Structures are given as C-alpha cells and as structure tokens.
Amino acid sequence: MDRRIEKTRKAIFDAFDTLIVKFDYAKISVQNIINEAKVGRSTFYLHFTTKNDLLRARCIDLVERIFAPIGTETTHASSMKFTFEEKIMHILYRLLDNKNVIKGILASEGRPIFLQYFRSYLVNTVENEDVHFAEVPDIFLENHIAGSFIEMVCWWVNCDFSESPENLTRWFLCVLPTLSTNINDNKHLTLNKNI
C-alpha cells in the first residue's frame, strides 16, 4: 500500500478510535471523524464509502493485528516456536493493548462485526492445533473452544480487563480438560500444545 494512503488511513482509524472511546457510535458523524483526523471529506470518501464501512474496516484491521504472528508489533513473546498457551496469552495481550477501542466497539453496533471476524480467526487458530476428542467432530470442538474463549473475552471486557492475561490463560486451559472428563471418564480431550 502506498505510504500516503497508509498514513491517511491510519489517521482516520486513529480518529475513529479516539471518538469511539468517548462517544456512542450512533452519535459519531462522518464530520466528527473528518475533523478529528484532520482530513477533507473527499479524502475520507476516497477510503470509505460510509461510517459503517469505516467501522467494518477498523474491526477487520484490529482482528488482523490481534492475530498477527507473535513477535510482530509487540514483544509479549520472544521464542520462535509457540505453544497454544503462548498463542492464547499473546491474543489476550493484544486485546489488552487495544482495550479502550475494543470496549468502544463491543459497546456499539460494531460488536457483531468485530466478534464475527474475531471468531473466524480464533477458529483458524484452534484448527491449527492438534485438538481431538473421541466421538466429537473436530469442527464442533474447535467452535466450542472458540465460543468459550469469546465468552471469556466478553466477560473480561465487562470486568474492565481487571484480570491479567496470565490468569485468564491459566484458567482457560484449566477448563479445557474438564470438558472431556465431565462427558465421559474414559475419553479425554487431547491438546498438543507444541507445534
């Protein structure tokens, strides 16, 4: 992407982030975004057709950044091989890095958009793990794990991110094995944490 286009897009995203933290999405106008970003109306419409188009683009951008490979943008992890636990903690740290914007989006019309993309990326992350449970299709298990993780994240947001990513990761991974033992004592969930 051209550097000028990238810079303008970032200015618009930053303006949106500033406004979504302070105001309800419905009360934010394109003019508010233009004023905050210090760009012209035609420049805004060159990048986005509507405010809703901007919202969707920002949700996609956030999710892509949250799920970017470990070692890019932030330094919450430094090894070259990553366990499932490290990936989960990394995702939680990226959410924490963007907590105000995440809270604003989840409190707005952007909630279903953000969660749709977040779920898709999360299911893909779980699919890349060696997760199996006898007599349960992998796709069901992957979606169940992703859904549980999303519910945990929503709870975390509602608690104003009061728990650490380390605690949430530990709790989440402690609950996973109980999924299998509660269903059938002879069949166990297997999760290969090393990739």
N, C-alpha and C. Protein backbone atom coordinates (compact mmCIF):
# COMPACT_ATOMS: atom_id res chain seq x y z
N MET A 1 0.85 -1.18 0.00
CA MET A 1 0.00 0.00 0.00
C MET A 1 0.89 1.24 0.00
N ASP A 2 0.52 2.23 -0.79
CA ASP A 2 1.23 3.50 -0.87
C ASP A 2 1.33 4.13 0.52
N ARG A 3 2.49 4.69 0.84
CA ARG A 3 2.73 5.24 2.17
C ARG A 3 1.75 6.36 2.53
N ARG A 4 1.41 7.21 1.56
CA ARG A 4 0.45 8.30 1.83
C ARG A 4 -0.94 7.76 2.13
N ILE A 5 -1.33 6.75 1.36
CA ILE A 5 -2.64 6.13 1.59
C ILE A 5 -2.66 5.48 2.97
N GLU A 6 -1.60 4.79 3.30
CA GLU A 6 -1.49 4.14 4.61
C GLU A 6 -1.54 5.17 5.74
N LYS A 7 -0.85 6.28 5.56
CA LYS A 7 -0.82 7.34 6.58
C LYS A 7 -2.21 7.95 6.77
N THR A 8 -2.92 8.20 5.68
CA THR A 8 -4.27 8.78 5.76
C THR A 8 -5.22 7.78 6.41
N ARG A 9 -5.14 6.54 6.00
CA ARG A 9 -6.00 5.51 6.58
C ARG A 9 -5.76 5.39 8.08
N LYS A 10 -4.50 5.43 8.49
CA LYS A 10 -4.15 5.37 9.91
C LYS A 10 -4.72 6.57 10.65
N ALA A 11 -4.64 7.76 10.06
CA ALA A 11 -5.19 8.97 10.69
C ALA A 11 -6.69 8.83 10.90
N ILE A 12 -7.38 8.26 9.92
CA ILE A 12 -8.83 8.06 10.04
C ILE A 12 -9.14 7.01 11.10
N PHE A 13 -8.38 5.91 11.10
CA PHE A 13 -8.56 4.89 12.14
C PHE A 13 -8.30 5.48 13.53
N ASP A 14 -7.23 6.25 13.66
CA ASP A 14 -6.90 6.86 14.96
C ASP A 14 -8.01 7.80 15.41
N ALA A 15 -8.56 8.57 14.48
CA ALA A 15 -9.67 9.48 14.80
C ALA A 15 -10.88 8.68 15.26
N PHE A 16 -11.19 7.62 14.53
CA PHE A 16 -12.32 6.75 14.91
C PHE A 16 -12.09 6.18 16.31
N ASP A 17 -10.86 5.71 16.59
CA ASP A 17 -10.54 5.13 17.90
C ASP A 17 -10.75 6.16 19.01
N THR A 18 -10.30 7.37 18.78
CA THR A 18 -10.46 8.44 19.78
C THR A 18 -11.94 8.70 20.05
N LEU A 19 -12.73 8.74 19.00
CA LEU A 19 -14.15 9.05 19.14
C LEU A 19 -14.95 7.90 19.74
N ILE A 20 -14.65 6.66 19.36
CA ILE A 20 -15.43 5.51 19.85
C ILE A 20 -15.21 5.29 21.34
N VAL A 21 -14.09 5.75 21.85
CA VAL A 21 -13.80 5.66 23.28
C VAL A 21 -14.63 6.68 24.06
N LYS A 22 -14.89 7.83 23.43
CA LYS A 22 -15.57 8.92 24.12
C LYS A 22 -17.08 8.95 23.91
N PHE A 23 -17.53 8.51 22.74
CA PHE A 23 -18.93 8.69 22.36
C PHE A 23 -19.55 7.38 21.88
N ASP A 24 -20.87 7.32 21.98
CA ASP A 24 -21.62 6.22 21.42
C ASP A 24 -21.48 6.27 19.90
N TYR A 25 -21.32 5.12 19.28
CA TYR A 25 -21.11 5.05 17.83
C TYR A 25 -22.19 5.80 17.05
N ALA A 26 -23.44 5.68 17.47
CA ALA A 26 -24.56 6.31 16.77
C ALA A 26 -24.44 7.83 16.77
N LYS A 27 -23.74 8.38 17.73
CA LYS A 27 -23.61 9.84 17.84
C LYS A 27 -22.38 10.38 17.12
N ILE A 28 -21.57 9.50 16.59
CA ILE A 28 -20.37 9.93 15.86
C ILE A 28 -20.75 10.13 14.39
N SER A 29 -20.45 11.29 13.88
CA SER A 29 -20.75 11.57 12.47
C SER A 29 -19.48 11.48 11.64
N VAL A 30 -19.66 11.37 10.34
CA VAL A 30 -18.51 11.41 9.43
C VAL A 30 -17.77 12.73 9.62
N GLN A 31 -18.50 13.82 9.83
CA GLN A 31 -17.87 15.12 10.05
C GLN A 31 -17.00 15.10 11.30
N ASN A 32 -17.46 14.46 12.37
CA ASN A 32 -16.63 14.32 13.59
C ASN A 32 -15.32 13.61 13.27
N ILE A 33 -15.42 12.54 12.49
CA ILE A 33 -14.23 11.76 12.13
C ILE A 33 -13.29 12.58 11.28
N ILE A 34 -13.83 13.29 10.31
CA ILE A 34 -13.03 14.16 9.43
C ILE A 34 -12.31 15.22 10.25
N ASN A 35 -13.04 15.86 11.16
CA ASN A 35 -12.43 16.90 12.00
C ASN A 35 -11.31 16.34 12.86
N GLU A 36 -11.58 15.19 13.48
CA GLU A 36 -10.57 14.57 14.37
C GLU A 36 -9.34 14.12 13.58
N ALA A 37 -9.57 13.58 12.37
CA ALA A 37 -8.46 13.08 11.55
C ALA A 37 -7.73 14.19 10.81
N LYS A 38 -8.37 15.36 10.75
CA LYS A 38 -7.82 16.50 10.00
C LYS A 38 -7.59 16.14 8.54
N VAL A 39 -8.63 15.55 7.95
CA VAL A 39 -8.62 15.24 6.51
C VAL A 39 -9.87 15.84 5.89
N GLY A 40 -9.86 15.98 4.59
CA GLY A 40 -11.01 16.51 3.88
C GLY A 40 -12.09 15.45 3.69
N ARG A 41 -13.29 15.91 3.43
CA ARG A 41 -14.42 15.00 3.21
C ARG A 41 -14.14 14.08 2.01
N SER A 42 -13.62 14.64 0.94
CA SER A 42 -13.34 13.83 -0.25
C SER A 42 -12.27 12.78 0.05
N THR A 43 -11.32 13.12 0.91
CA THR A 43 -10.28 12.16 1.30
C THR A 43 -10.91 11.01 2.07
N PHE A 44 -11.82 11.32 3.00
CA PHE A 44 -12.49 10.27 3.76
C PHE A 44 -13.22 9.33 2.80
N TYR A 45 -14.00 9.91 1.87
CA TYR A 45 -14.79 9.09 0.96
C TYR A 45 -13.95 8.37 -0.10
N LEU A 46 -12.73 8.79 -0.25
CA LEU A 46 -11.81 8.06 -1.13
C LEU A 46 -11.44 6.71 -0.49
N HIS A 47 -11.44 6.68 0.85
CA HIS A 47 -11.06 5.47 1.59
C HIS A 47 -12.26 4.63 2.05
N PHE A 48 -13.35 5.30 2.41
CA PHE A 48 -14.51 4.61 2.98
C PHE A 48 -15.79 5.19 2.38
N THR A 49 -16.73 4.32 2.05
CA THR A 49 -17.97 4.81 1.44
C THR A 49 -18.95 5.37 2.48
N THR A 50 -18.89 4.83 3.71
CA THR A 50 -19.79 5.28 4.78
C THR A 50 -19.08 5.13 6.13
N LYS A 51 -19.71 5.63 7.16
CA LYS A 51 -19.20 5.42 8.52
C LYS A 51 -19.21 3.93 8.86
N ASN A 52 -20.24 3.22 8.42
CA ASN A 52 -20.32 1.77 8.67
C ASN A 52 -19.21 1.01 7.96
N ASP A 53 -18.83 1.49 6.77
CA ASP A 53 -17.72 0.89 6.04
C ASP A 53 -16.43 1.07 6.83
N LEU A 54 -16.25 2.25 7.42
CA LEU A 54 -15.09 2.51 8.29
C LEU A 54 -15.12 1.57 9.49
N LEU A 55 -16.27 1.42 10.10
CA LEU A 55 -16.40 0.53 11.27
C LEU A 55 -15.97 -0.89 10.91
N ARG A 56 -16.48 -1.40 9.80
CA ARG A 56 -16.13 -2.76 9.36
C ARG A 56 -14.62 -2.87 9.09
N ALA A 57 -14.06 -1.89 8.40
CA ALA A 57 -12.63 -1.90 8.09
C ALA A 57 -11.79 -1.85 9.36
N ARG A 58 -12.23 -1.05 10.33
CA ARG A 58 -11.48 -0.95 11.59
C ARG A 58 -11.55 -2.27 12.36
N CYS A 59 -12.71 -2.91 12.37
CA CYS A 59 -12.84 -4.21 13.05
C CYS A 59 -11.92 -5.24 12.41
N ILE A 60 -11.90 -5.29 11.09
CA ILE A 60 -11.03 -6.24 10.38
C ILE A 60 -9.57 -5.94 10.70
N ASP A 61 -9.20 -4.66 10.64
CA ASP A 61 -7.82 -4.27 10.92
C ASP A 61 -7.41 -4.66 12.35
N LEU A 62 -8.28 -4.41 13.31
CA LEU A 62 -7.99 -4.77 14.70
C LEU A 62 -7.79 -6.27 14.86
N VAL A 63 -8.70 -7.04 14.30
CA VAL A 63 -8.61 -8.50 14.42
C VAL A 63 -7.33 -9.02 13.75
N GLU A 64 -7.00 -8.49 12.59
CA GLU A 64 -5.77 -8.90 11.91
C GLU A 64 -4.54 -8.59 12.76
N ARG A 65 -4.55 -7.45 13.42
CA ARG A 65 -3.43 -7.08 14.29
C ARG A 65 -3.37 -7.96 15.54
N ILE A 66 -4.53 -8.27 16.09
CA ILE A 66 -4.58 -9.12 17.28
C ILE A 66 -4.03 -10.51 16.98
N PHE A 67 -4.32 -11.01 15.79
CA PHE A 67 -3.90 -12.37 15.42
C PHE A 67 -2.63 -12.38 14.58
N ALA A 68 -1.96 -11.24 14.46
CA ALA A 68 -0.69 -11.20 13.73
C ALA A 68 0.30 -12.13 14.44
N PRO A 69 1.22 -12.70 13.69
CA PRO A 69 2.17 -13.64 14.31
C PRO A 69 2.89 -13.03 15.51
N ILE A 70 3.17 -13.86 16.49
CA ILE A 70 3.90 -13.42 17.67
C ILE A 70 5.26 -12.89 17.23
N GLY A 71 5.66 -11.79 17.84
CA GLY A 71 6.94 -11.19 17.50
C GLY A 71 6.80 -9.97 16.61
N THR A 72 5.57 -9.72 16.10
CA THR A 72 5.34 -8.52 15.30
C THR A 72 4.57 -7.51 16.14
N GLU A 73 4.88 -6.26 15.95
CA GLU A 73 4.22 -5.11 16.61
C GLU A 73 4.47 -5.01 18.10
N THR A 74 4.30 -6.08 18.86
CA THR A 74 4.56 -6.03 20.30
C THR A 74 5.55 -7.11 20.64
N THR A 75 6.07 -7.07 21.84
CA THR A 75 7.09 -8.04 22.23
C THR A 75 6.66 -8.83 23.46
N HIS A 76 5.43 -9.33 23.45
CA HIS A 76 4.95 -10.11 24.58
C HIS A 76 5.53 -11.52 24.59
N ALA A 77 6.11 -11.94 23.51
CA ALA A 77 6.75 -13.26 23.45
C ALA A 77 7.96 -13.15 22.55
N SER A 78 8.96 -14.00 22.78
CA SER A 78 10.18 -13.84 22.01
C SER A 78 10.73 -15.13 21.41
N SER A 79 10.20 -16.28 21.75
CA SER A 79 10.72 -17.54 21.20
C SER A 79 10.21 -17.75 19.78
N MET A 80 10.79 -18.71 19.07
CA MET A 80 10.41 -18.96 17.69
C MET A 80 9.32 -20.02 17.56
N LYS A 81 9.23 -20.97 18.50
CA LYS A 81 8.15 -21.97 18.49
C LYS A 81 7.17 -21.61 19.58
N PHE A 82 5.91 -21.64 19.25
CA PHE A 82 4.92 -21.15 20.20
C PHE A 82 3.92 -22.24 20.56
N THR A 83 3.68 -22.38 21.84
CA THR A 83 2.68 -23.31 22.32
C THR A 83 1.31 -22.67 22.19
N PHE A 84 0.29 -23.49 22.31
CA PHE A 84 -1.09 -22.99 22.30
C PHE A 84 -1.27 -21.98 23.43
N GLU A 85 -0.69 -22.28 24.58
CA GLU A 85 -0.77 -21.37 25.74
C GLU A 85 -0.17 -20.01 25.41
N GLU A 86 0.99 -20.00 24.76
CA GLU A 86 1.62 -18.72 24.38
C GLU A 86 0.77 -17.96 23.38
N LYS A 87 0.15 -18.68 22.45
CA LYS A 87 -0.71 -18.02 21.47
C LYS A 87 -1.91 -17.37 22.15
N ILE A 88 -2.54 -18.10 23.08
CA ILE A 88 -3.70 -17.57 23.80
C ILE A 88 -3.30 -16.32 24.57
N MET A 89 -2.18 -16.39 25.29
CA MET A 89 -1.73 -15.25 26.08
C MET A 89 -1.40 -14.07 25.17
N HIS A 90 -0.81 -14.35 24.04
CA HIS A 90 -0.47 -13.31 23.07
C HIS A 90 -1.73 -12.59 22.57
N ILE A 91 -2.77 -13.35 22.25
CA ILE A 91 -4.04 -12.77 21.81
C ILE A 91 -4.61 -11.87 22.91
N LEU A 92 -4.55 -12.35 24.15
CA LEU A 92 -5.08 -11.58 25.27
C LEU A 92 -4.28 -10.29 25.48
N TYR A 93 -2.97 -10.37 25.33
CA TYR A 93 -2.16 -9.14 25.45
C TYR A 93 -2.48 -8.15 24.33
N ARG A 94 -2.69 -8.65 23.13
CA ARG A 94 -3.04 -7.74 22.02
C ARG A 94 -4.40 -7.09 22.28
N LEU A 95 -5.34 -7.85 22.84
CA LEU A 95 -6.63 -7.25 23.22
C LEU A 95 -6.42 -6.18 24.28
N LEU A 96 -5.58 -6.47 25.26
CA LEU A 96 -5.29 -5.52 26.32
C LEU A 96 -4.63 -4.26 25.76
N ASP A 97 -3.74 -4.43 24.78
CA ASP A 97 -3.09 -3.28 24.14
C ASP A 97 -4.11 -2.33 23.51
N ASN A 98 -5.24 -2.87 23.09
CA ASN A 98 -6.28 -2.10 22.40
C ASN A 98 -7.57 -2.02 23.22
N LYS A 99 -7.46 -2.11 24.54
CA LYS A 99 -8.63 -2.29 25.38
C LYS A 99 -9.68 -1.20 25.24
N ASN A 100 -9.29 0.05 25.14
CA ASN A 100 -10.29 1.12 25.05
C ASN A 100 -11.08 1.06 23.75
N VAL A 101 -10.39 0.81 22.66
CA VAL A 101 -11.07 0.70 21.36
C VAL A 101 -11.96 -0.54 21.35
N ILE A 102 -11.46 -1.65 21.88
CA ILE A 102 -12.24 -2.89 21.94
C ILE A 102 -13.52 -2.64 22.74
N LYS A 103 -13.40 -1.99 23.90
CA LYS A 103 -14.57 -1.69 24.72
C LYS A 103 -15.57 -0.83 23.94
N GLY A 104 -15.07 0.19 23.25
CA GLY A 104 -15.95 1.06 22.47
C GLY A 104 -16.67 0.31 21.36
N ILE A 105 -15.95 -0.53 20.65
CA ILE A 105 -16.56 -1.29 19.55
C ILE A 105 -17.56 -2.31 20.09
N LEU A 106 -17.21 -3.01 21.17
CA LEU A 106 -18.11 -4.03 21.70
C LEU A 106 -19.36 -3.42 22.33
N ALA A 107 -19.31 -2.13 22.64
CA ALA A 107 -20.48 -1.45 23.19
C ALA A 107 -21.31 -0.78 22.09
N SER A 108 -20.91 -0.99 20.85
CA SER A 108 -21.58 -0.31 19.72
C SER A 108 -22.16 -1.32 18.73
N GLU A 109 -22.63 -0.78 17.63
CA GLU A 109 -23.13 -1.60 16.53
C GLU A 109 -22.02 -2.46 15.93
N GLY A 110 -20.78 -2.16 16.29
CA GLY A 110 -19.65 -2.92 15.78
C GLY A 110 -19.43 -4.26 16.45
N ARG A 111 -20.13 -4.50 17.56
CA ARG A 111 -19.95 -5.76 18.31
C ARG A 111 -20.08 -7.00 17.42
N PRO A 112 -21.20 -7.17 16.69
CA PRO A 112 -21.31 -8.40 15.89
C PRO A 112 -20.27 -8.48 14.78
N ILE A 113 -19.89 -7.35 14.23
CA ILE A 113 -18.88 -7.33 13.16
C ILE A 113 -17.54 -7.78 13.72
N PHE A 114 -17.13 -7.15 14.82
CA PHE A 114 -15.85 -7.50 15.44
C PHE A 114 -15.84 -8.97 15.85
N LEU A 115 -16.89 -9.42 16.52
CA LEU A 115 -16.92 -10.80 17.02
C LEU A 115 -16.97 -11.82 15.89
N GLN A 116 -17.59 -11.47 14.77
CA GLN A 116 -17.62 -12.37 13.61
C GLN A 116 -16.20 -12.63 13.11
N TYR A 117 -15.44 -11.56 12.91
CA TYR A 117 -14.06 -11.72 12.43
C TYR A 117 -13.17 -12.35 13.49
N PHE A 118 -13.36 -11.95 14.74
CA PHE A 118 -12.58 -12.50 15.84
C PHE A 118 -12.79 -14.01 15.92
N ARG A 119 -14.05 -14.45 15.84
CA ARG A 119 -14.37 -15.88 15.90
C ARG A 119 -13.70 -16.64 14.74
N SER A 120 -13.78 -16.06 13.55
CA SER A 120 -13.20 -16.71 12.38
C SER A 120 -11.70 -16.93 12.56
N TYR A 121 -10.99 -15.91 13.01
CA TYR A 121 -9.55 -16.03 13.22
C TYR A 121 -9.25 -16.99 14.36
N LEU A 122 -10.07 -16.96 15.39
CA LEU A 122 -9.86 -17.83 16.55
C LEU A 122 -10.07 -19.30 16.17
N VAL A 123 -11.13 -19.58 15.41
CA VAL A 123 -11.36 -20.96 14.96
C VAL A 123 -10.17 -21.43 14.13
N ASN A 124 -9.65 -20.57 13.29
CA ASN A 124 -8.48 -20.91 12.48
C ASN A 124 -7.28 -21.23 13.37
N THR A 125 -7.10 -20.46 14.43
CA THR A 125 -6.00 -20.71 15.37
C THR A 125 -6.17 -22.06 16.04
N VAL A 126 -7.38 -22.38 16.47
CA VAL A 126 -7.64 -23.66 17.14
C VAL A 126 -7.50 -24.81 16.14
N GLU A 127 -7.93 -24.61 14.89
CA GLU A 127 -7.80 -25.64 13.86
C GLU A 127 -6.35 -26.05 13.66
N ASN A 128 -5.45 -25.09 13.83
CA ASN A 128 -4.02 -25.37 13.63
C ASN A 128 -3.39 -26.12 14.80
N GLU A 129 -4.15 -26.34 15.85
CA GLU A 129 -3.69 -27.13 16.99
C GLU A 129 -4.15 -28.57 16.80
N ASP A 130 -3.49 -29.47 17.49
CA ASP A 130 -3.86 -30.88 17.42
C ASP A 130 -4.87 -31.15 18.53
N VAL A 131 -6.14 -30.82 18.26
CA VAL A 131 -7.20 -30.94 19.27
C VAL A 131 -8.17 -32.03 18.82
N HIS A 132 -8.35 -33.04 19.68
CA HIS A 132 -9.27 -34.13 19.36
C HIS A 132 -10.02 -34.57 20.61
N PHE A 133 -11.21 -35.06 20.40
CA PHE A 133 -11.99 -35.67 21.48
C PHE A 133 -12.80 -36.79 20.85
N ALA A 134 -12.62 -37.98 21.38
CA ALA A 134 -13.30 -39.15 20.80
C ALA A 134 -14.79 -38.89 20.67
N GLU A 135 -15.34 -39.27 19.53
CA GLU A 135 -16.78 -39.20 19.22
C GLU A 135 -17.33 -37.78 19.08
N VAL A 136 -16.47 -36.79 19.06
CA VAL A 136 -16.91 -35.40 18.83
C VAL A 136 -16.17 -34.91 17.59
N PRO A 137 -16.88 -34.45 16.56
CA PRO A 137 -16.20 -33.94 15.36
C PRO A 137 -15.29 -32.76 15.72
N ASP A 138 -14.13 -32.74 15.08
CA ASP A 138 -13.16 -31.68 15.35
C ASP A 138 -13.77 -30.29 15.15
N ILE A 139 -14.58 -30.13 14.10
CA ILE A 139 -15.16 -28.82 13.82
C ILE A 139 -16.07 -28.35 14.97
N PHE A 140 -16.79 -29.28 15.58
CA PHE A 140 -17.62 -28.93 16.74
C PHE A 140 -16.74 -28.49 17.90
N LEU A 141 -15.70 -29.27 18.18
CA LEU A 141 -14.81 -28.96 19.29
C LEU A 141 -14.10 -27.62 19.08
N GLU A 142 -13.62 -27.39 17.86
CA GLU A 142 -12.94 -26.13 17.56
C GLU A 142 -13.86 -24.93 17.78
N ASN A 143 -15.10 -25.05 17.33
CA ASN A 143 -16.06 -23.96 17.51
C ASN A 143 -16.45 -23.80 18.98
N HIS A 144 -16.52 -24.92 19.70
CA HIS A 144 -16.83 -24.85 21.13
C HIS A 144 -15.72 -24.13 21.90
N ILE A 145 -14.48 -24.47 21.60
CA ILE A 145 -13.35 -23.82 22.25
C ILE A 145 -13.33 -22.34 21.90
N ALA A 146 -13.54 -22.01 20.62
CA ALA A 146 -13.56 -20.60 20.20
C ALA A 146 -14.68 -19.85 20.89
N GLY A 147 -15.87 -20.45 20.96
CA GLY A 147 -17.00 -19.80 21.63
C GLY A 147 -16.74 -19.56 23.10
N SER A 148 -16.12 -20.53 23.78
CA SER A 148 -15.78 -20.37 25.19
C SER A 148 -14.77 -19.24 25.37
N PHE A 149 -13.81 -19.18 24.47
CA PHE A 149 -12.79 -18.13 24.56
C PHE A 149 -13.43 -16.75 24.36
N ILE A 150 -14.34 -16.64 23.39
CA ILE A 150 -15.01 -15.36 23.13
C ILE A 150 -15.83 -14.94 24.35
N GLU A 151 -16.54 -15.88 24.96
CA GLU A 151 -17.31 -15.56 26.16
C GLU A 151 -16.40 -15.09 27.28
N MET A 152 -15.22 -15.71 27.39
CA MET A 152 -14.26 -15.29 28.41
C MET A 152 -13.79 -13.87 28.13
N VAL A 153 -13.52 -13.57 26.87
CA VAL A 153 -13.06 -12.22 26.49
C VAL A 153 -14.15 -11.19 26.78
N CYS A 154 -15.40 -11.50 26.45
CA CYS A 154 -16.51 -10.58 26.73
C CYS A 154 -16.65 -10.34 28.23
N TRP A 155 -16.50 -11.40 29.01
CA TRP A 155 -16.53 -11.27 30.47
C TRP A 155 -15.40 -10.36 30.94
N TRP A 156 -14.21 -10.56 30.37
CA TRP A 156 -13.02 -9.77 30.71
C TRP A 156 -13.25 -8.29 30.42
N VAL A 157 -13.83 -8.01 29.26
CA VAL A 157 -14.14 -6.62 28.88
C VAL A 157 -15.14 -6.03 29.88
N ASN A 158 -16.18 -6.79 30.22
CA ASN A 158 -17.18 -6.32 31.18
C ASN A 158 -16.58 -6.07 32.57
N CYS A 159 -15.51 -6.82 32.89
CA CYS A 159 -14.81 -6.63 34.17
C CYS A 159 -13.71 -5.58 34.04
N ASP A 160 -13.74 -4.82 32.95
CA ASP A 160 -12.77 -3.76 32.68
C ASP A 160 -11.32 -4.28 32.69
N PHE A 161 -11.13 -5.47 32.14
CA PHE A 161 -9.80 -6.07 31.98
C PHE A 161 -9.07 -6.19 33.32
N SER A 162 -9.84 -6.47 34.38
CA SER A 162 -9.26 -6.48 35.73
C SER A 162 -8.33 -7.67 35.99
N GLU A 163 -8.48 -8.74 35.24
CA GLU A 163 -7.60 -9.90 35.42
C GLU A 163 -6.44 -9.84 34.42
N SER A 164 -5.34 -10.46 34.78
CA SER A 164 -4.17 -10.45 33.89
C SER A 164 -4.34 -11.48 32.77
N PRO A 165 -3.68 -11.25 31.63
CA PRO A 165 -3.69 -12.27 30.57
C PRO A 165 -3.16 -13.62 31.05
N GLU A 166 -2.19 -13.59 31.98
CA GLU A 166 -1.64 -14.84 32.51
C GLU A 166 -2.72 -15.63 33.27
N ASN A 167 -3.49 -14.93 34.12
CA ASN A 167 -4.56 -15.62 34.86
C ASN A 167 -5.60 -16.18 33.92
N LEU A 168 -6.04 -15.37 32.95
CA LEU A 168 -7.07 -15.84 32.01
C LEU A 168 -6.59 -17.04 31.22
N THR A 169 -5.36 -16.99 30.77
CA THR A 169 -4.80 -18.12 30.00
C THR A 169 -4.79 -19.38 30.87
N ARG A 170 -4.32 -19.25 32.10
CA ARG A 170 -4.26 -20.39 33.00
C ARG A 170 -5.65 -20.96 33.26
N TRP A 171 -6.61 -20.08 33.55
CA TRP A 171 -7.98 -20.53 33.82
C TRP A 171 -8.59 -21.21 32.60
N PHE A 172 -8.39 -20.59 31.44
CA PHE A 172 -8.96 -21.15 30.20
C PHE A 172 -8.42 -22.54 29.93
N LEU A 173 -7.11 -22.71 30.08
CA LEU A 173 -6.50 -24.01 29.82
C LEU A 173 -6.86 -25.03 30.89
N CYS A 174 -7.12 -24.57 32.12
CA CYS A 174 -7.56 -25.49 33.18
C CYS A 174 -8.96 -26.04 32.87
N VAL A 175 -9.79 -25.26 32.25
CA VAL A 175 -11.16 -25.67 31.95
C VAL A 175 -11.20 -26.65 30.78
N LEU A 176 -10.31 -26.52 29.83
CA LEU A 176 -10.35 -27.39 28.64
C LEU A 176 -10.36 -28.87 28.97
N PRO A 177 -9.46 -29.39 29.81
CA PRO A 177 -9.50 -30.83 30.08
C PRO A 177 -10.81 -31.28 30.76
N THR A 178 -11.44 -30.42 31.52
CA THR A 178 -12.68 -30.81 32.20
C THR A 178 -13.82 -31.00 31.22
N LEU A 179 -13.70 -30.43 30.04
CA LEU A 179 -14.75 -30.64 29.03
C LEU A 179 -14.90 -32.13 28.75
N SER A 180 -13.78 -32.83 28.66
CA SER A 180 -13.85 -34.25 28.34
C SER A 180 -14.19 -35.10 29.55
N THR A 181 -13.61 -34.81 30.69
CA THR A 181 -13.84 -35.67 31.85
C THR A 181 -15.26 -35.55 32.37
N ASN A 182 -15.91 -34.42 32.13
CA ASN A 182 -17.30 -34.28 32.55
C ASN A 182 -18.24 -35.07 31.65
N ILE A 183 -17.85 -35.29 30.41
CA ILE A 183 -18.72 -36.01 29.48
C ILE A 183 -18.56 -37.51 29.63
N ASN A 184 -17.33 -37.96 29.71
CA ASN A 184 -17.09 -39.40 29.78
C ASN A 184 -15.72 -39.64 30.41
N ASP A 185 -15.69 -40.31 31.52
CA ASP A 185 -14.44 -40.50 32.26
C ASP A 185 -13.39 -41.28 31.46
N ASN A 186 -13.79 -42.06 30.48
CA ASN A 186 -12.83 -42.89 29.74
C ASN A 186 -12.28 -42.23 28.50
N LYS A 187 -12.82 -41.08 28.13
CA LYS A 187 -12.37 -40.41 26.90
C LYS A 187 -11.84 -39.05 27.27
N HIS A 188 -10.72 -38.71 26.74
CA HIS A 188 -10.07 -37.45 27.14
C HIS A 188 -9.82 -36.55 25.94
N LEU A 189 -9.90 -35.28 26.24
CA LEU A 189 -9.53 -34.25 25.26
C LEU A 189 -8.03 -34.28 25.17
N THR A 190 -7.50 -34.33 23.97
CA THR A 190 -6.05 -34.24 23.83
C THR A 190 -5.73 -32.96 23.10
N LEU A 191 -4.79 -32.24 23.63
CA LEU A 191 -4.38 -30.97 23.06
C LEU A 191 -2.88 -30.96 23.00
N ASN A 192 -2.33 -31.04 21.81
CA ASN A 192 -0.90 -30.98 21.64
C ASN A 192 -0.51 -29.51 21.70
N LYS A 193 0.11 -29.09 22.79
CA LYS A 193 0.40 -27.65 22.99
C LYS A 193 1.62 -27.20 22.21
N ASN A 194 2.41 -28.10 21.70
CA ASN A 194 3.59 -27.70 20.92
C ASN A 194 3.31 -27.90 19.44
N ILE A 195 3.71 -26.89 18.67
CA ILE A 195 3.52 -27.03 17.23
C ILE A 195 4.86 -27.10 16.56
